[in-house]
C-alpha atoms as a PDB file:
ATOM      1  CA  MET A   1     -56.420  69.057  51.463  1.00  0.00           C
ATOM      2  CA  HIS A   2     -54.635  68.576  54.782  1.00  0.00           C
ATOM      3  CA  ALA A   3     -54.580  64.889  55.674  1.00  0.00           C
ATOM      4  CA  ASP A   4     -54.560  63.573  59.228  1.00  0.00           C
ATOM      5  CA  PHE A   5     -53.841  60.054  57.965  1.00  0.00           C
ATOM      6  CA  SER A   6     -52.554  58.952  54.550  1.00  0.00           C
ATOM      7  CA  GLU A   7     -51.152  55.739  53.123  1.00  0.00           C
ATOM      8  CA  VAL A   8     -50.147  53.991  49.919  1.00  0.00           C
ATOM      9  CA  LYS A   9     -51.042  50.305  49.584  1.00  0.00           C
ATOM     10  CA  VAL A  10     -49.401  48.279  46.805  1.00  0.00           C
ATOM     11  CA  GLU A  11     -50.372  44.716  45.816  1.00  0.00           C
ATOM     12  CA  VAL A  12     -47.854  42.510  44.016  1.00  0.00           C
ATOM     13  CA  ASP A  13     -50.015  39.364  43.864  1.00  0.00           C
ATOM     14  CA  GLU A  14     -53.186  37.919  45.364  1.00  0.00           C
ATOM     15  CA  ASP A  15     -51.508  37.126  48.684  1.00  0.00           C
ATOM     16  CA  THR A  16     -48.946  39.915  49.063  1.00  0.00           C
ATOM     17  CA  ALA A  17     -49.497  43.624  49.695  1.00  0.00           C
ATOM     18  CA  TRP A  18     -47.384  46.385  51.234  1.00  0.00           C
ATOM     19  CA  THR A  19     -48.651  49.490  53.029  1.00  0.00           C
ATOM     20  CA  PHE A  20     -46.601  52.699  53.297  1.00  0.00           C
ATOM     21  CA  SER A  21     -47.342  55.718  55.494  1.00  0.00           C
ATOM     22  CA  VAL A  22     -47.424  59.148  53.855  1.00  0.00           C
ATOM     23  CA  PRO A  23     -45.347  61.256  53.877  1.00  0.00           C
ATOM     24  CA  SER A  24     -42.606  59.334  55.737  1.00  0.00           C
ATOM     25  CA  GLU A  25     -42.634  56.308  53.379  1.00  0.00           C
ATOM     26  CA  ALA A  26     -44.217  57.936  50.335  1.00  0.00           C
ATOM     27  CA  ASP A  27     -41.191  57.692  48.038  1.00  0.00           C
ATOM     28  CA  GLU A  28     -40.804  53.967  48.708  1.00  0.00           C
ATOM     29  CA  GLY A  29     -44.523  53.358  48.181  1.00  0.00           C
ATOM     30  CA  TYR A  30     -44.701  55.276  44.907  1.00  0.00           C
ATOM     31  CA  SER A  31     -41.541  53.557  43.677  1.00  0.00           C
ATOM     32  CA  MET A  32     -43.068  50.117  44.268  1.00  0.00           C
ATOM     33  CA  TYR A  33     -46.287  51.242  42.588  1.00  0.00           C
ATOM     34  CA  ARG A  34     -44.325  52.103  39.434  1.00  0.00           C
ATOM     35  CA  SER A  35     -42.515  48.741  39.402  1.00  0.00           C
ATOM     36  CA  ALA A  36     -43.441  45.916  37.033  1.00  0.00           C
ATOM     37  CA  THR A  37     -44.437  43.684  39.953  1.00  0.00           C
ATOM     38  CA  CYS A  38     -47.322  45.934  41.056  1.00  0.00           C
ATOM     39  CA  THR A  39     -50.776  44.597  40.135  1.00  0.00           C
ATOM     40  CA  ASN A  40     -53.024  47.061  42.025  1.00  0.00           C
ATOM     41  CA  ALA A  41     -52.521  50.076  44.270  1.00  0.00           C
ATOM     42  CA  GLU A  42     -54.568  52.277  46.570  1.00  0.00           C
ATOM     43  CA  ILE A  43     -53.827  55.770  47.865  1.00  0.00           C
ATOM     44  CA  SER A  44     -55.920  56.959  50.816  1.00  0.00           C
ATOM     45  CA  TYR A  45     -56.151  60.441  52.334  1.00  0.00           C
ATOM     46  CA  ARG A  46     -58.282  60.955  55.423  1.00  0.00           C
ATOM     47  CA  GLY A  47     -58.580  64.484  56.708  1.00  0.00           C
ATOM     48  CA  PRO A  48     -60.599  66.375  59.324  1.00  0.00           C
ATOM     49  CA  ASP A  49     -64.308  67.178  59.028  1.00  0.00           C
ATOM     50  CA  ASP A  50     -65.069  64.044  57.008  1.00  0.00           C
ATOM     51  CA  GLN A  51     -62.698  64.920  54.155  1.00  0.00           C
ATOM     52  CA  ASN A  52     -61.656  61.724  52.399  1.00  0.00           C
ATOM     53  CA  LEU A  53     -60.041  60.802  49.097  1.00  0.00           C
ATOM     54  CA  TRP A  54     -59.394  57.293  47.748  1.00  0.00           C
ATOM     55  CA  VAL A  55     -57.607  56.572  44.464  1.00  0.00           C
ATOM     56  CA  TYR A  56     -57.560  52.957  43.236  1.00  0.00           C
ATOM     57  CA  PHE A  57     -55.163  51.987  40.459  1.00  0.00           C
ATOM     58  CA  TYR A  58     -55.859  48.836  38.444  1.00  0.00           C
ATOM     59  CA  THR A  59     -54.142  47.365  35.396  1.00  0.00           C
ATOM     60  CA  SER A  60     -56.397  49.141  32.890  1.00  0.00           C
ATOM     61  CA  ARG A  61     -58.380  51.742  34.856  1.00  0.00           C
ATOM     62  CA  THR A  62     -58.307  54.152  37.786  1.00  0.00           C
ATOM     63  CA  LEU A  63     -61.153  54.764  40.247  1.00  0.00           C
ATOM     64  CA  VAL A  64     -61.390  58.002  42.264  1.00  0.00           C
ATOM     65  CA  LEU A  65     -63.722  58.318  45.261  1.00  0.00           C
ATOM     66  CA  VAL A  66     -64.206  61.620  47.109  1.00  0.00           C
ATOM     67  CA  ARG A  67     -66.144  62.441  50.256  1.00  0.00           C
ATOM     68  CA  MET A  68     -66.319  66.112  51.273  1.00  0.00           C
ATOM     69  CA  PRO A  69     -68.619  68.363  53.339  1.00  0.00           C
ATOM     70  CA  THR A  70     -69.925  70.223  50.246  1.00  0.00           C
ATOM     71  CA  ARG A  71     -70.530  69.599  46.568  1.00  0.00           C
ATOM     72  CA  ALA A  72     -68.154  72.447  45.707  1.00  0.00           C
ATOM     73  CA  ASN A  73     -65.370  70.678  47.613  1.00  0.00           C
ATOM     74  CA  VAL A  74     -66.012  67.469  45.672  1.00  0.00           C
ATOM     75  CA  GLU A  75     -66.053  69.255  42.313  1.00  0.00           C
ATOM     76  CA  GLY A  76     -62.829  71.071  43.215  1.00  0.00           C
ATOM     77  CA  ILE A  77     -61.036  67.760  43.807  1.00  0.00           C
ATOM     78  CA  PHE A  78     -62.344  66.209  40.588  1.00  0.00           C
ATOM     79  CA  SER A  79     -61.367  69.275  38.566  1.00  0.00           C
ATOM     80  CA  ILE A  80     -57.720  68.598  39.472  1.00  0.00           C
ATOM     81  CA  PHE A  81     -57.934  65.055  38.112  1.00  0.00           C
ATOM     82  CA  GLU A  82     -59.819  66.133  34.981  1.00  0.00           C
ATOM     83  CA  SER A  83     -57.336  68.890  34.144  1.00  0.00           C
ATOM     84  CA  ASN A  84     -54.478  66.357  34.231  1.00  0.00           C
ATOM     85  CA  LEU A  85     -56.314  63.503  32.512  1.00  0.00           C
ATOM     86  CA  GLN A  86     -54.684  63.719  29.089  1.00  0.00           C
ATOM     87  CA  ALA A  87     -51.169  64.125  30.466  1.00  0.00           C
ATOM     88  CA  CYS A  88     -51.527  61.094  32.740  1.00  0.00           C
ATOM     89  CA  GLN A  89     -53.283  58.652  30.428  1.00  0.00           C
ATOM     90  CA  ILE A  90     -51.419  55.396  29.818  1.00  0.00           C
ATOM     91  CA  SER A  91     -51.399  54.038  26.289  1.00  0.00           C
ATOM     92  CA  GLN A  92     -52.991  50.663  25.609  1.00  0.00           C
ATOM     93  CA  GLU A  93     -49.587  49.394  24.534  1.00  0.00           C
ATOM     94  CA  ASP A  94     -48.041  50.350  27.892  1.00  0.00           C
ATOM     95  CA  ILE A  95     -50.958  48.717  29.741  1.00  0.00           C
ATOM     96  CA  GLU A  96     -50.407  45.504  27.789  1.00  0.00           C
ATOM     97  CA  LYS A  97     -46.664  45.535  28.474  1.00  0.00           C
ATOM     98  CA  LYS A  98     -47.179  46.058  32.192  1.00  0.00           C
ATOM     99  CA  LYS A  99     -49.627  43.176  32.290  1.00  0.00           C
ATOM    100  CA  ASN A 100     -47.292  40.919  30.310  1.00  0.00           C
ATOM    101  CA  ALA A 101     -44.327  41.677  32.576  1.00  0.00           C
ATOM    102  CA  ALA A 102     -46.121  40.008  35.479  1.00  0.00           C
ATOM    103  CA  PHE A 103     -45.132  36.497  34.318  1.00  0.00           C
ATOM    104  CA  ARG A 104     -42.084  34.937  32.734  1.00  0.00           C
ATOM    105  CA  ILE A 105     -41.601  32.973  29.540  1.00  0.00           C
ATOM    106  CA  PHE A 106     -38.774  30.475  29.166  1.00  0.00           C
ATOM    107  CA  ILE A 107     -37.214  29.921  25.725  1.00  0.00           C
ATOM    108  CA  GLY A 108     -35.284  26.708  25.143  1.00  0.00           C
ATOM    109  CA  HIS A 109     -33.054  26.512  22.065  1.00  0.00           C
ATOM    110  CA  GLY A 110     -30.075  24.935  20.347  1.00  0.00           C
ATOM    111  CA  ARG A 111     -27.109  26.589  18.630  1.00  0.00           C
ATOM    112  CA  SER A 112     -29.176  28.405  16.004  1.00  0.00           C
ATOM    113  CA  PRO A 113     -29.454  32.147  16.779  1.00  0.00           C
ATOM    114  CA  LEU A 114     -33.101  32.298  15.622  1.00  0.00           C
ATOM    115  CA  TRP A 115     -34.336  32.217  19.219  1.00  0.00           C
ATOM    116  CA  ARG A 116     -32.859  35.683  19.809  1.00  0.00           C
ATOM    117  CA  ASP A 117     -35.297  37.177  17.287  1.00  0.00           C
ATOM    118  CA  LEU A 118     -38.165  35.578  19.208  1.00  0.00           C
ATOM    119  CA  ARG A 119     -36.831  36.796  22.566  1.00  0.00           C
ATOM    120  CA  ASP A 120     -36.445  40.357  21.291  1.00  0.00           C
ATOM    121  CA  HIS A 121     -39.928  40.362  19.770  1.00  0.00           C
ATOM    122  CA  LEU A 122     -41.631  39.087  22.914  1.00  0.00           C
ATOM    123  CA  HIS A 123     -39.738  41.432  25.229  1.00  0.00           C
ATOM    124  CA  ASP A 124     -39.365  44.610  23.144  1.00  0.00           C
ATOM    125  CA  LYS A 125     -42.683  44.525  21.295  1.00  0.00           C
ATOM    126  CA  HIS A 126     -44.974  42.976  23.918  1.00  0.00           C
ATOM    127  CA  GLY A 127     -43.161  43.526  27.211  1.00  0.00           C
ATOM    128  CA  TYR A 128     -42.955  39.865  28.230  1.00  0.00           C
ATOM    129  CA  ALA A 129     -40.276  38.898  30.746  1.00  0.00           C
ATOM    130  CA  VAL A 130     -38.168  36.284  28.958  1.00  0.00           C
ATOM    131  CA  GLU A 131     -35.652  33.878  30.470  1.00  0.00           C
ATOM    132  CA  THR A 132     -33.214  31.505  28.807  1.00  0.00           C
ATOM    133  CA  PHE A 133     -30.443  29.274  30.089  1.00  0.00           C
ATOM    134  CA  GLU A 134     -28.016  32.142  29.373  1.00  0.00           C
ATOM    135  CA  THR A 135     -29.982  34.857  31.190  1.00  0.00           C
ATOM    136  CA  GLU A 136     -27.690  34.855  34.244  1.00  0.00           C
ATOM    137  CA  ALA A 137     -24.247  33.590  35.200  1.00  0.00           C
ATOM    138  CA  ARG A 138     -24.727  30.061  36.547  1.00  0.00           C
ATOM    139  CA  ALA A 139     -21.192  28.867  37.318  1.00  0.00           C
ATOM    140  CA  GLY A 140     -21.089  26.212  40.016  1.00  0.00           C
ATOM    141  CA  HIS A 141     -24.693  25.087  39.547  1.00  0.00           C
ATOM    142  CA  HIS A 142     -25.718  21.751  38.056  1.00  0.00           C
ATOM    143  CA  VAL A 143     -27.788  21.891  34.868  1.00  0.00           C
ATOM    144  CA  THR A 144     -30.705  20.048  36.485  1.00  0.00           C
ATOM    145  CA  GLU A 145     -30.761  22.495  39.399  1.00  0.00           C
ATOM    146  CA  ILE A 146     -30.757  25.468  37.018  1.00  0.00           C
ATOM    147  CA  LEU A 147     -33.606  24.064  34.926  1.00  0.00           C
ATOM    148  CA  ASP A 148     -35.642  23.308  38.049  1.00  0.00           C
ATOM    149  CA  GLN A 149     -35.287  26.950  39.127  1.00  0.00           C
ATOM    150  CA  LEU A 150     -36.238  28.204  35.664  1.00  0.00           C
ATOM    151  CA  GLY A 151     -39.255  25.899  35.637  1.00  0.00           C
ATOM    152  CA  GLU A 152     -40.442  27.270  38.970  1.00  0.00           C
ATOM    153  CA  SER A 153     -40.222  30.898  37.831  1.00  0.00           C
ATOM    154  CA  ALA A 154     -41.718  30.449  34.341  1.00  0.00           C
ATOM    155  CA  ALA A 155     -45.412  30.578  33.510  1.00  0.00           C
ATOM    156  CA  PHE A 156     -45.010  29.488  29.879  1.00  0.00           C
ATOM    157  CA  ALA A 157     -42.269  27.810  27.826  1.00  0.00           C
ATOM    158  CA  ILE A 158     -41.354  27.986  24.147  1.00  0.00           C
ATOM    159  CA  MET A 159     -38.947  25.441  22.676  1.00  0.00           C
ATOM    160  CA  VAL A 160     -37.231  26.396  19.426  1.00  0.00           C
ATOM    161  CA  MET A 161     -36.342  23.167  17.623  1.00  0.00           C
ATOM    162  CA  THR A 162     -33.930  23.571  14.722  1.00  0.00           C
ATOM    163  CA  GLY A 163     -32.331  20.666  12.818  1.00  0.00           C
ATOM    164  CA  GLU A 164     -28.793  20.460  14.188  1.00  0.00           C
ATOM    165  CA  ASN A 165     -28.084  16.795  14.943  1.00  0.00           C
ATOM    166  CA  GLU A 166     -27.984  14.433  11.953  1.00  0.00           C
ATOM    167  CA  SER A 167     -28.940  10.781  12.440  1.00  0.00           C
ATOM    168  CA  ALA A 168     -27.371   7.787  10.714  1.00  0.00           C
ATOM    169  CA  GLU A 169     -30.349   7.815   8.330  1.00  0.00           C
ATOM    170  CA  GLY A 170     -29.587  11.420   7.362  1.00  0.00           C
ATOM    171  CA  THR A 171     -32.547  13.021   9.165  1.00  0.00           C
ATOM    172  CA  LEU A 172     -32.075  16.194  11.228  1.00  0.00           C
ATOM    173  CA  HIS A 173     -33.110  16.400  14.853  1.00  0.00           C
ATOM    174  CA  ALA A 174     -33.121  19.079  17.535  1.00  0.00           C
ATOM    175  CA  ARG A 175     -30.313  19.112  20.058  1.00  0.00           C
ATOM    176  CA  GLU A 176     -30.775  16.767  22.996  1.00  0.00           C
ATOM    177  CA  ASN A 177     -30.909  19.619  25.509  1.00  0.00           C
ATOM    178  CA  VAL A 178     -33.991  21.105  23.790  1.00  0.00           C
ATOM    179  CA  ILE A 179     -35.767  17.746  23.765  1.00  0.00           C
ATOM    180  CA  HIS A 180     -34.935  17.232  27.443  1.00  0.00           C
ATOM    181  CA  GLU A 181     -36.115  20.737  28.387  1.00  0.00           C
ATOM    182  CA  THR A 182     -39.379  20.205  26.508  1.00  0.00           C
ATOM    183  CA  GLY A 183     -40.229  17.149  28.588  1.00  0.00           C
ATOM    184  CA  LEU A 184     -39.136  18.831  31.816  1.00  0.00           C
ATOM    185  CA  PHE A 185     -41.259  21.957  31.306  1.00  0.00           C
ATOM    186  CA  GLN A 186     -44.254  19.909  30.204  1.00  0.00           C
ATOM    187  CA  GLY A 187     -44.008  18.076  33.510  1.00  0.00           C
ATOM    188  CA  VAL A 188     -43.733  21.313  35.520  1.00  0.00           C
ATOM    189  CA  LEU A 189     -46.139  23.601  33.643  1.00  0.00           C
ATOM    190  CA  GLY A 190     -48.491  21.166  31.917  1.00  0.00           C
ATOM    191  CA  LEU A 191     -48.882  20.302  28.239  1.00  0.00           C
ATOM    192  CA  HIS A 192     -50.886  23.402  27.329  1.00  0.00           C
ATOM    193  CA  LYS A 193     -48.246  25.828  28.598  1.00  0.00           C
ATOM    194  CA  VAL A 194     -45.393  24.487  26.474  1.00  0.00           C
ATOM    195  CA  VAL A 195     -45.231  25.079  22.726  1.00  0.00           C
ATOM    196  CA  VAL A 196     -42.630  23.794  20.263  1.00  0.00           C
ATOM    197  CA  LEU A 197     -41.559  25.914  17.288  1.00  0.00           C
ATOM    198  CA  LEU A 198     -40.439  23.321  14.732  1.00  0.00           C
ATOM    199  CA  GLU A 199     -38.217  24.423  11.863  1.00  0.00           C
ATOM    200  CA  ASP A 200     -38.883  22.862   8.466  1.00  0.00           C
ATOM    201  CA  GLY A 201     -36.609  19.857   8.003  1.00  0.00           C
ATOM    202  CA  CYS A 202     -36.312  19.079  11.706  1.00  0.00           C
ATOM    203  CA  GLU A 203     -37.871  15.787  12.803  1.00  0.00           C
ATOM    204  CA  GLU A 204     -40.689  15.767  15.350  1.00  0.00           C
ATOM    205  CA  PHE A 205     -40.575  13.854  18.636  1.00  0.00           C
ATOM    206  CA  SER A 206     -40.831  10.075  18.392  1.00  0.00           C
ATOM    207  CA  ASN A 207     -43.362  10.420  21.243  1.00  0.00           C
ATOM    208  CA  ARG A 208     -45.395  13.478  20.299  1.00  0.00           C
ATOM    209  CA  ALA A 209     -48.486  12.910  22.455  1.00  0.00           C
ATOM    210  CA  GLY A 210     -49.751  16.240  23.730  1.00  0.00           C
ATOM    211  CA  VAL A 211     -46.980  18.308  22.122  1.00  0.00           C
ATOM    212  CA  GLN A 212     -48.134  21.633  20.638  1.00  0.00           C
ATOM    213  CA  TYR A 213     -46.219  22.239  17.407  1.00  0.00           C
ATOM    214  CA  ILE A 214     -45.993  25.493  15.447  1.00  0.00           C
ATOM    215  CA  PRO A 215     -44.018  24.815  12.232  1.00  0.00           C
ATOM    216  CA  PHE A 216     -41.972  27.528  10.516  1.00  0.00           C
ATOM    217  CA  ALA A 217     -39.989  27.743   7.293  1.00  0.00           C
ATOM    218  CA  LYS A 218     -36.257  27.145   7.532  1.00  0.00           C
ATOM    219  CA  GLY A 219     -34.521  30.250   8.879  1.00  0.00           C
ATOM    220  CA  ASN A 220     -37.761  32.263   9.079  1.00  0.00           C
ATOM    221  CA  ILE A 221     -38.953  32.096  12.674  1.00  0.00           C
ATOM    222  CA  LYS A 222     -40.473  35.573  12.343  1.00  0.00           C
ATOM    223  CA  GLU A 223     -43.363  34.184  10.309  1.00  0.00           C
ATOM    224  CA  VAL A 224     -44.855  32.551  13.421  1.00  0.00           C
ATOM    225  CA  PHE A 225     -44.490  35.473  15.863  1.00  0.00           C
ATOM    226  CA  GLY A 226     -48.194  36.314  15.565  1.00  0.00           C
ATOM    227  CA  GLU A 227     -49.257  32.727  16.236  1.00  0.00           C
ATOM    228  CA  VAL A 228     -46.911  32.480  19.236  1.00  0.00           C
ATOM    229  CA  VAL A 229     -48.337  35.635  20.841  1.00  0.00           C
ATOM    230  CA  ALA A 230     -51.893  34.439  20.136  1.00  0.00           C
ATOM    231  CA  THR A 231     -51.105  31.112  21.843  1.00  0.00           C
ATOM    232  CA  ILE A 232     -49.764  32.906  24.931  1.00  0.00           C
ATOM    233  CA  ARG A 233     -52.823  35.160  25.095  1.00  0.00           C
ATOM    234  CA  ARG A 234     -55.171  32.180  24.884  1.00  0.00           C
ATOM    235  CA  GLN A 235     -53.513  30.802  27.994  1.00  0.00           C
ATOM    236  CA  PHE A 236     -53.343  34.011  30.018  1.00  0.00           C
ATOM    237  CA  GLY A 237     -55.933  36.345  28.512  1.00  0.00           C
END
């Protein structure tokens, strides 16, 4: 179908959308459509003699609208889509990963390497974008400034509390940085968007009002992966 006017429109959030002319800006438009930031997209072809094609791409479905002079023309266009349906279908797993990549999760932690297992599970298995204090080089920036930036970019926070500091009474507590980050992210995101993974043997907060705890056996953070993902999904669907 020869098109007199064509464009690709890509939305990255509710307030931001980009429109690209075809063919001059087609490559840029299709590249942005394939990026993780794209939420919806629309491709429009408007040709002579009332020949029109609209293709709308959503997170979990695609809508094709065709307007042509004859029924045969319409069926010819749809036959192209139907013949390529199986090859172009996106798996449910890929749909979920694309959806999850649209927001970031911050993981706060101490010296214990257990948090890395959680990060890998959330990113590799479910496609979540995960940030930690170590994600980027931050030389020259004050800790408070860095945490403020991380708080602004995150949609959810997980604090991994492992017993690393021993008190005079012999009880084990999480490192001070994890406790501080928990309070900071609760203030930025709200109580329901911060969850604490508490290792067995590590003391809880002295002020635990509103804190969401998920306990796990010592050294076995993997046992709560399912509950962590379920908690995230309850917040974001």
